[in-house]
């Protein structure tokens, strides 16, 4: 038997495969394609203090080996999540994590406090790294002091596992990771999308309504693996790796670089069953290499 179980702070994952916020809806959208309970967990779309329509269309564009998105945190707001969505998914026997976003520290704290009261949500992922909103988002995640301030304030009202999602659009992601660790983060997830741009040369205008957007997919994976490796060697809290993961081999790169778990994002749009295929692929890899516990290879590089 092969054990794929890992831990993020005090949360036990049956395997290290999670889904990335914004690519998996509220989980229920994928229930026709996979058994959600086979996953280590899933992270629901970014949740804000009030309803958001997101950015104007067009807000997605395909690029070589990836995609740009500028969706802008479209969601029904935290009250709708708590009163409606939560009751539809809380029965699932896996870890349900809520991505929390905001335009101010007060909004982050308000959303986190309301999610804290939900019994079957063991963790939040604090999104201080979204490049597609005009206020908040990445603005908090590019400065160590601001990142630490928002984490510190959320820590006062949120008492379960606090994961902080980091942006790659910085000079030193290690400095940001250390800052949020010192402010009370229990884990960090990285990377969020990289700021990018594409132009329609026939129409002579940007392909996104917002001009720039977040680049994800296989194109960002080498950068993501490098950053995960750097951060895993610099902090004591668990690291969750994401960025271009589309196969078990991709996931293994992040695990060997030091990630305790991984998130699958853009690949969900291409193959809605990719997550369980990665779980099976990790088991197969361990069997072929005589590995009884996935933790034997975590951080091996």
Foldseek 3Di string as FASTA:
>chain_A
DAQQWFDFQPQIFSHQEEADAPFCAQVPVLVVPDQQLVGSEYEHHEAWAAADQFDDPPAKDDDVQWIFGQRGRGDHHLVCCVPPVCVVPLVRNHAYEYEYFYQDLVGSQVSQLSVLPDPSHQEYEYAQDFPNHPGGGVVQQADLVSVLVSLLSNCVRHPGAYEYEHEPPYPARLSNLVSSVVSPHQEYEDDWFDKDWDADVVVGGTNGPVRIGGIAALVCLVVQLVNLLVNLVRDDGAYEGEGHDQALVSQLSNQLSAHSHYHHGPNCVVPVCRSVRNVVVPVVVCVVVVHRYSNVRGNND
